[in-house]
Amino acid sequence: MRKYQVLVCFLVLFAGCSGEAVPPSTSVESATQPITPESQTNSPTENTPTPVKTVSTETPTSESLTPEPPSNPFASNTVRVGYRIGDDARNRSFKQPVVDALAFWNNRSAGSYRVNYTYEPDPSEAQILIQFVDTISYCDGYDDSTVGCAPVLDKFDTAEDPTTVRVEDDYAASTTRDIIIHELGHTRGLEHSNSYTIPQMNATIDTLLIPKPNLENRSYGWNTTTFRVYFDTAGTVSSVEEDGYRQEIREGWEYWTTDTDHLNKDVSFEFVDSRSESNIVVKIEDTEGVRWQFWALNTDSDDSPEVYENSTLYVGERNPKYIDYNTALALGYLLLNADNETDMPEPFDGDEEFGDTDRWTD
């Protein structure tokens, strides 16, 4: 995730595993031949049968016919791979990028052992389980740009059942495939240093986020319905006036918490004591009306923002009795993501003068 107009180019991946090639199996065939006793000679014209020496053989047991398991962490030539979507992940199918990643590795010998993969639709039967999550909260070497994580195994390890690989879920199919290829490479014993032969093993890769609706196309532009309001009184409001101003601001936001006909969200507001805790700051200034600034996040790979992060409302004090109205007006633009007053409900739609405070709060 990146702030508006900030481009994130690379994300970090982590993981690993290893093994060795399975030696070719061999079989030995035996045969019996007729044996002529030394004490008997046979004339070519005599019709004398040649005695045959009986050779007894031991019937092999089923135990002796069982081949040694392949020498790799999964003790199998074919590993079943499935996926599961985490509770915090977006609910969509990842089958195609998983299958494409398996096809990349099948019949390749890169790694410390050779193994092929098969897609397993039942997650409970998978030997390698790819867990798609919203955010990777922990991984060895983790930082904010980590998008994948898997265990690093060597050929002497025994794989956990299942072996879990975690992949963040908000990337386009092509990027998701490359992340899975990278993480499966680690389960084959490949490290980032092997990127000279397998470029997907590089520690960083180019990524493409899933396209999301831009802020201008959203009816609600926030990822939260809980608003923490900081009242910045520095240089504008005395301690004597502060309580009165706070009451006016509170009446402004109550319009949106009580009149649900205008907002299809159950929002809440509360005052907080520090700016760092807030996502809305209200500051009084010596003007009329109201203006606002907002900061938005670009959560995909285009150049437009998708969601508000925080906002500052500058409320004019030249008409103090309208501070509640102006606060409600500014919040309306931000909550409804309105382009102009025609998108606003009464009394903010510009059809008439708003009059006194009692009129618009009815």
Protein backbone atom coordinates (compact mmCIF):
# COMPACT_ATOMS: atom_id res chain seq x y z
CA MET A 1 0.00 0.00 0.00
CA ARG A 2 1.28 3.43 -0.81
CA LYS A 3 0.21 7.01 -0.31
CA TYR A 4 -1.26 9.00 -3.15
CA GLN A 5 1.32 9.83 -5.83
CA VAL A 6 3.94 7.61 -4.24
CA LEU A 7 4.89 4.65 -6.42
CA VAL A 8 5.98 1.40 -4.77
CA CYS A 9 8.02 -0.63 -7.24
CA PHE A 10 9.35 -3.61 -5.35
CA LEU A 11 8.16 -6.01 -2.68
CA VAL A 12 10.19 -8.60 -0.77
CA LEU A 13 9.64 -12.32 -0.65
CA PHE A 14 10.92 -14.92 1.79
CA ALA A 15 10.99 -18.76 2.09
CA GLY A 16 12.69 -22.20 1.28
CA CYS A 17 13.18 -26.16 0.98
CA SER A 18 15.52 -28.87 -0.46
CA GLY A 19 16.08 -32.51 -1.42
CA GLU A 20 17.93 -34.86 -3.76
CA ALA A 21 17.14 -36.68 -6.98
CA VAL A 22 15.72 -40.18 -6.69
CA PRO A 23 18.12 -42.83 -8.09
CA PRO A 24 16.65 -44.86 -10.95
CA SER A 25 15.19 -48.13 -9.86
CA THR A 26 16.74 -51.32 -11.25
CA SER A 27 15.53 -54.90 -11.53
CA VAL A 28 17.45 -58.19 -11.87
CA GLU A 29 16.08 -61.14 -13.78
CA SER A 30 17.28 -64.74 -13.20
CA ALA A 31 16.80 -67.92 -15.32
CA THR A 32 17.41 -71.70 -14.95
CA GLN A 33 19.25 -73.78 -17.58
CA PRO A 34 19.15 -77.57 -18.16
CA ILE A 35 22.16 -79.38 -16.66
CA THR A 36 23.56 -82.65 -17.97
CA PRO A 37 25.06 -84.93 -15.29
CA GLU A 38 28.78 -85.70 -15.80
CA SER A 39 28.22 -89.49 -15.52
CA GLN A 40 25.93 -89.67 -18.53
CA THR A 41 26.73 -89.13 -22.18
CA ASN A 42 24.07 -88.84 -24.77
CA SER A 43 24.36 -90.04 -28.30
CA PRO A 44 22.85 -87.82 -30.91
CA THR A 45 20.92 -90.86 -32.25
CA GLU A 46 19.62 -92.00 -28.91
CA ASN A 47 16.19 -90.83 -27.88
CA THR A 48 17.16 -90.45 -24.25
CA PRO A 49 15.71 -87.66 -22.16
CA THR A 50 18.14 -85.32 -20.52
CA PRO A 51 17.47 -85.00 -16.80
CA VAL A 52 17.00 -81.46 -15.54
CA LYS A 53 18.31 -80.25 -12.21
CA THR A 54 15.56 -78.64 -10.12
CA VAL A 55 16.42 -75.22 -8.73
CA SER A 56 14.32 -74.01 -5.83
CA THR A 57 13.66 -70.29 -5.60
CA GLU A 58 12.26 -68.24 -2.70
CA THR A 59 9.10 -66.26 -3.35
CA PRO A 60 9.81 -62.57 -2.63
CA THR A 61 7.75 -61.04 0.15
CA SER A 62 5.73 -57.83 -0.26
CA GLU A 63 8.17 -56.13 2.10
CA SER A 64 11.13 -56.87 -0.16
CA LEU A 65 9.23 -55.48 -3.19
CA THR A 66 8.48 -52.09 -1.51
CA PRO A 67 10.87 -49.46 -2.94
CA GLU A 68 12.68 -46.98 -0.74
CA PRO A 69 10.76 -43.67 -0.50
CA PRO A 70 12.25 -40.76 -2.45
CA SER A 71 14.93 -38.87 -0.55
CA ASN A 72 13.23 -35.50 -0.14
CA PRO A 73 11.35 -33.70 2.64
CA PHE A 74 8.00 -35.01 1.37
CA ALA A 75 9.13 -38.62 0.77
CA SER A 76 7.21 -38.54 -2.51
CA ASN A 77 7.88 -37.98 -6.20
CA THR A 78 4.64 -35.98 -6.51
CA VAL A 79 3.54 -33.38 -3.99
CA ARG A 80 -0.09 -32.33 -3.62
CA VAL A 81 -0.52 -28.53 -3.48
CA GLY A 82 -3.72 -26.74 -2.50
CA TYR A 83 -4.74 -23.36 -1.18
CA ARG A 84 -6.98 -21.80 1.44
CA ILE A 85 -8.28 -18.25 1.69
CA GLY A 86 -7.73 -16.64 5.09
CA ASP A 87 -10.54 -15.06 7.07
CA ASP A 88 -9.02 -11.65 6.43
CA ALA A 89 -8.45 -12.21 2.72
CA ARG A 90 -10.60 -11.19 -0.22
CA ASN A 91 -12.96 -13.95 -1.28
CA ARG A 92 -11.89 -14.85 -4.79
CA SER A 93 -10.45 -17.85 -6.61
CA PHE A 94 -6.69 -18.37 -6.80
CA LYS A 95 -6.79 -21.70 -8.63
CA GLN A 96 -5.38 -20.44 -11.93
CA PRO A 97 -2.24 -18.73 -10.57
CA VAL A 98 -1.62 -21.78 -8.34
CA VAL A 99 -1.95 -24.20 -11.27
CA ASP A 100 0.26 -21.98 -13.45
CA ALA A 101 2.96 -21.89 -10.77
CA LEU A 102 2.89 -25.69 -10.45
CA ALA A 103 3.22 -26.03 -14.23
CA PHE A 104 6.30 -23.80 -14.10
CA TRP A 105 8.10 -26.19 -11.74
CA ASN A 106 6.90 -29.52 -13.10
CA ASN A 107 9.64 -31.36 -15.02
CA ARG A 108 12.27 -28.85 -13.88
CA SER A 109 15.31 -30.11 -12.06
CA ALA A 110 16.32 -26.85 -10.37
CA GLY A 111 16.70 -27.25 -6.63
CA SER A 112 18.37 -29.76 -4.36
CA TYR A 113 15.89 -32.48 -5.29
CA ARG A 114 13.47 -33.11 -8.11
CA VAL A 115 9.75 -33.35 -7.52
CA ASN A 116 6.56 -32.69 -9.48
CA TYR A 117 3.38 -31.08 -8.21
CA THR A 118 -0.31 -31.80 -8.60
CA TYR A 119 -3.15 -29.45 -7.75
CA GLU A 120 -5.21 -30.62 -4.77
CA PRO A 121 -8.69 -29.04 -4.60
CA ASP A 122 -9.25 -30.19 -1.00
CA PRO A 123 -7.07 -28.05 1.31
CA SER A 124 -7.17 -30.72 4.03
CA GLU A 125 -5.43 -33.18 1.67
CA ALA A 126 -2.66 -30.83 0.54
CA GLN A 127 0.98 -31.52 1.45
CA ILE A 128 1.84 -27.90 0.64
CA LEU A 129 -0.93 -25.51 1.63
CA ILE A 130 -0.82 -21.99 0.20
CA GLN A 131 -2.56 -19.64 2.62
CA PHE A 132 -3.78 -16.40 1.04
CA VAL A 133 -3.91 -13.61 3.62
CA ASP A 134 -4.55 -9.89 3.69
CA THR A 135 -1.23 -9.12 5.39
CA ILE A 136 1.81 -11.16 6.36
CA SER A 137 2.36 -10.19 9.98
CA TYR A 138 5.46 -12.30 10.61
CA CYS A 139 8.20 -13.91 8.55
CA ASP A 140 11.95 -14.32 8.99
CA GLY A 141 13.35 -11.08 7.61
CA TYR A 142 9.86 -9.56 7.40
CA ASP A 143 9.31 -5.92 6.60
CA ASP A 144 6.43 -3.85 5.26
CA SER A 145 7.09 -4.95 1.68
CA THR A 146 6.99 -8.70 2.30
CA VAL A 147 4.40 -10.39 0.07
CA GLY A 148 5.24 -14.08 0.51
CA CYS A 149 6.69 -16.42 3.12
CA ALA A 150 7.55 -20.14 3.16
CA PRO A 151 9.84 -22.43 5.17
CA VAL A 152 13.38 -23.12 3.98
CA LEU A 153 14.03 -26.85 4.00
CA ASP A 154 17.04 -28.95 3.05
CA LYS A 155 17.15 -32.56 1.87
CA PHE A 156 17.58 -33.88 5.41
CA ASP A 157 14.46 -32.11 6.72
CA THR A 158 11.07 -33.70 7.14
CA ALA A 159 8.34 -31.43 5.84
CA GLU A 160 5.50 -30.50 8.15
CA ASP A 161 2.11 -31.84 7.16
CA PRO A 162 0.99 -29.62 5.67
CA THR A 163 3.85 -27.29 4.86
CA THR A 164 2.35 -23.78 4.89
CA VAL A 165 3.21 -21.08 2.37
CA ARG A 166 1.69 -17.62 2.92
CA VAL A 167 0.95 -15.21 0.08
CA GLU A 168 -0.67 -11.78 0.28
CA ASP A 169 -3.93 -11.72 -1.62
CA ASP A 170 -4.23 -8.28 -3.21
CA TYR A 171 -2.09 -8.77 -6.31
CA ALA A 172 -3.01 -9.39 -9.92
CA ALA A 173 -2.98 -13.00 -11.17
CA SER A 174 0.38 -12.65 -12.93
CA THR A 175 2.06 -11.28 -9.80
CA THR A 176 0.40 -13.91 -7.60
CA ARG A 177 1.75 -16.64 -9.89
CA ASP A 178 5.28 -15.25 -9.63
CA ILE A 179 5.07 -15.03 -5.83
CA ILE A 180 3.96 -18.67 -5.65
CA ILE A 181 6.76 -19.72 -8.02
CA HIS A 182 9.22 -17.95 -5.73
CA GLU A 183 7.92 -19.56 -2.55
CA LEU A 184 7.76 -23.05 -4.06
CA GLY A 185 11.34 -22.53 -5.16
CA HIS A 186 12.29 -22.13 -1.52
CA THR A 187 10.56 -25.41 -0.68
CA ARG A 188 12.85 -26.99 -3.30
CA GLY A 189 15.95 -25.68 -1.57
CA LEU A 190 16.51 -22.62 -3.75
CA GLU A 191 17.70 -19.35 -2.20
CA HIS A 192 17.65 -15.77 -3.44
CA SER A 193 21.19 -16.31 -4.65
CA ASN A 194 19.81 -18.78 -7.23
CA SER A 195 18.11 -15.97 -9.13
CA TYR A 196 20.83 -16.06 -11.80
CA THR A 197 19.32 -19.35 -13.04
CA ILE A 198 15.70 -18.83 -11.90
CA PRO A 199 14.93 -15.08 -12.11
CA GLN A 200 11.77 -15.55 -10.03
CA MET A 201 14.00 -16.34 -7.04
CA ASN A 202 15.21 -12.75 -6.84
CA ALA A 203 14.58 -11.20 -3.41
CA THR A 204 12.43 -8.46 -4.98
CA ILE A 205 9.99 -8.66 -7.87
CA ASP A 206 7.91 -6.20 -9.85
CA THR A 207 4.32 -6.33 -8.69
CA LEU A 208 0.91 -5.35 -9.99
CA LEU A 209 -1.90 -4.79 -7.51
CA ILE A 210 -5.49 -5.79 -8.21
CA PRO A 211 -7.26 -2.78 -9.76
CA LYS A 212 -9.68 -1.19 -7.30
CA PRO A 213 -12.39 1.45 -7.81
CA ASN A 214 -10.90 4.92 -7.71
CA LEU A 215 -12.04 7.33 -5.01
CA GLU A 216 -14.01 9.37 -7.53
CA ASN A 217 -16.14 6.31 -8.33
CA ARG A 218 -16.93 5.31 -4.75
CA SER A 219 -20.10 6.24 -2.87
CA TYR A 220 -18.20 5.91 0.42
CA GLY A 221 -14.53 6.77 0.41
CA TRP A 222 -13.29 5.47 3.76
CA ASN A 223 -12.08 2.09 4.96
CA THR A 224 -13.51 2.81 8.41
CA THR A 225 -16.76 3.91 10.00
CA THR A 226 -15.10 4.94 13.26
CA PHE A 227 -13.90 8.53 13.29
CA ARG A 228 -11.53 9.92 15.90
CA VAL A 229 -11.72 13.71 15.97
CA TYR A 230 -8.95 15.96 17.26
CA PHE A 231 -9.91 19.57 17.98
CA ASP A 232 -6.88 21.73 17.25
CA THR A 233 -7.35 24.89 19.31
CA ALA A 234 -3.77 26.20 18.99
CA GLY A 235 -3.75 29.97 18.36
CA THR A 236 -7.47 30.20 17.64
CA VAL A 237 -9.64 29.13 20.59
CA SER A 238 -9.17 30.07 24.23
CA SER A 239 -9.67 27.57 27.02
CA VAL A 240 -12.81 29.50 28.03
CA GLU A 241 -14.32 29.07 24.54
CA GLU A 242 -13.22 25.50 23.95
CA ASP A 243 -16.15 23.67 25.55
CA GLY A 244 -18.65 25.72 23.54
CA TYR A 245 -16.84 25.01 20.28
CA ARG A 246 -16.65 21.30 21.08
CA GLN A 247 -20.41 21.23 21.60
CA GLU A 248 -20.96 22.92 18.21
CA ILE A 249 -18.67 20.39 16.48
CA ARG A 250 -20.42 17.50 18.22
CA GLU A 251 -23.80 18.76 17.01
CA GLY A 252 -22.35 18.87 13.51
CA TRP A 253 -21.36 15.23 13.42
CA GLU A 254 -24.56 14.09 15.16
CA TYR A 255 -26.44 14.94 11.94
CA TRP A 256 -24.70 12.00 10.26
CA THR A 257 -25.02 9.58 13.16
CA THR A 258 -28.75 10.11 13.70
CA ASP A 259 -30.08 10.68 10.18
CA THR A 260 -29.39 7.31 8.58
CA ASP A 261 -31.56 8.13 5.53
CA HIS A 262 -28.66 10.11 4.09
CA LEU A 263 -25.87 7.63 4.81
CA ASN A 264 -25.88 3.86 4.31
CA LYS A 265 -23.24 3.43 6.98
CA ASP A 266 -23.42 3.27 10.74
CA VAL A 267 -20.69 5.78 11.60
CA SER A 268 -19.46 6.97 14.98
CA PHE A 269 -17.39 9.95 16.19
CA GLU A 270 -15.41 10.64 19.32
CA PHE A 271 -12.96 13.31 20.44
CA VAL A 272 -9.37 12.17 21.04
CA ASP A 273 -6.57 13.97 22.85
CA SER A 274 -3.81 13.86 20.24
CA ARG A 275 -3.52 14.50 16.53
CA SER A 276 -1.66 11.21 15.99
CA GLU A 277 -4.71 9.24 17.21
CA SER A 278 -7.11 11.04 14.90
CA ASN A 279 -8.31 10.54 11.36
CA ILE A 280 -10.20 13.88 11.35
CA VAL A 281 -8.79 17.17 12.65
CA VAL A 282 -11.04 20.21 13.15
CA LYS A 283 -9.42 23.64 13.31
CA ILE A 284 -11.18 26.99 13.72
CA GLU A 285 -9.98 29.84 11.47
CA ASP A 286 -10.92 33.47 10.97
CA THR A 287 -12.95 33.02 7.79
CA GLU A 288 -16.50 32.26 6.77
CA GLY A 289 -17.77 28.86 5.71
CA VAL A 290 -15.65 25.74 5.70
CA ARG A 291 -12.86 24.20 3.69
CA TRP A 292 -11.11 20.87 4.03
CA GLN A 293 -8.00 18.99 3.09
CA PHE A 294 -7.73 15.24 2.78
CA TRP A 295 -5.03 12.66 2.36
CA ALA A 296 -5.83 9.58 0.30
CA LEU A 297 -4.15 6.27 -0.36
CA ASN A 298 -3.44 4.70 -3.72
CA THR A 299 -4.02 1.01 -3.01
CA ASP A 300 -3.48 -0.35 -6.52
CA SER A 301 -1.06 0.22 -9.39
CA ASP A 302 -2.68 3.15 -11.19
CA ASP A 303 -2.10 6.85 -10.51
CA SER A 304 -5.40 7.63 -8.77
CA PRO A 305 -6.22 7.38 -5.04
CA GLU A 306 -8.78 4.83 -3.86
CA VAL A 307 -9.55 5.66 -0.23
CA TYR A 308 -9.35 8.53 2.26
CA GLU A 309 -6.76 8.17 5.00
CA ASN A 310 -7.45 11.34 7.04
CA SER A 311 -8.79 14.88 6.72
CA THR A 312 -8.55 18.34 8.25
CA LEU A 313 -11.61 20.60 8.42
CA TYR A 314 -11.03 24.35 8.64
CA VAL A 315 -14.25 25.82 10.05
CA GLY A 316 -14.84 29.60 9.87
CA GLU A 317 -15.68 31.44 13.11
CA ARG A 318 -17.06 34.68 11.68
CA ASN A 319 -20.55 33.21 12.07
CA PRO A 320 -20.08 31.14 15.27
CA LYS A 321 -23.67 29.90 15.33
CA TYR A 322 -23.03 28.08 12.05
CA ILE A 323 -19.98 26.10 13.22
CA ASP A 324 -22.18 23.00 13.65
CA TYR A 325 -23.69 23.51 10.18
CA ASN A 326 -20.28 23.98 8.56
CA THR A 327 -18.88 20.94 10.34
CA ALA A 328 -21.81 18.81 9.15
CA LEU A 329 -21.46 20.19 5.61
CA ALA A 330 -17.77 19.31 5.36
CA LEU A 331 -18.35 15.85 6.84
CA GLY A 332 -21.14 15.30 4.33
CA TYR A 333 -18.80 15.90 1.40
CA LEU A 334 -16.26 13.49 2.88
CA LEU A 335 -18.72 10.78 3.94
CA LEU A 336 -20.82 10.84 0.78
CA ASN A 337 -17.79 11.48 -1.43
CA ALA A 338 -19.89 14.18 -3.06
CA ASP A 339 -18.68 16.08 -6.11
CA ASN A 340 -20.90 19.13 -5.52
CA GLU A 341 -23.85 20.34 -3.49
CA THR A 342 -26.40 18.63 -5.75
CA ASP A 343 -25.12 15.31 -4.38
CA MET A 344 -25.88 16.43 -0.84
CA PRO A 345 -29.14 16.06 1.13
CA GLU A 346 -31.12 19.01 2.46
CA PRO A 347 -30.28 21.51 3.77
CA PHE A 348 -26.83 21.25 2.14
CA ASP A 349 -28.04 20.92 -1.46
CA GLY A 350 -28.01 24.66 -2.22
CA ASP A 351 -31.74 24.91 -2.93
CA GLU A 352 -32.34 27.39 -0.12
CA GLU A 353 -30.64 29.36 2.60
CA PHE A 354 -29.87 27.27 5.64
CA GLY A 355 -31.22 29.87 8.07
CA ASP A 356 -30.64 29.35 11.74
CA THR A 357 -29.25 26.32 13.52
CA ASP A 358 -32.63 24.98 14.61
CA ARG A 359 -33.85 24.78 11.04
CA TRP A 360 -31.36 22.30 9.64
CA THR A 361 -31.07 20.14 12.76
CA ASP A 362 -34.83 19.35 12.80
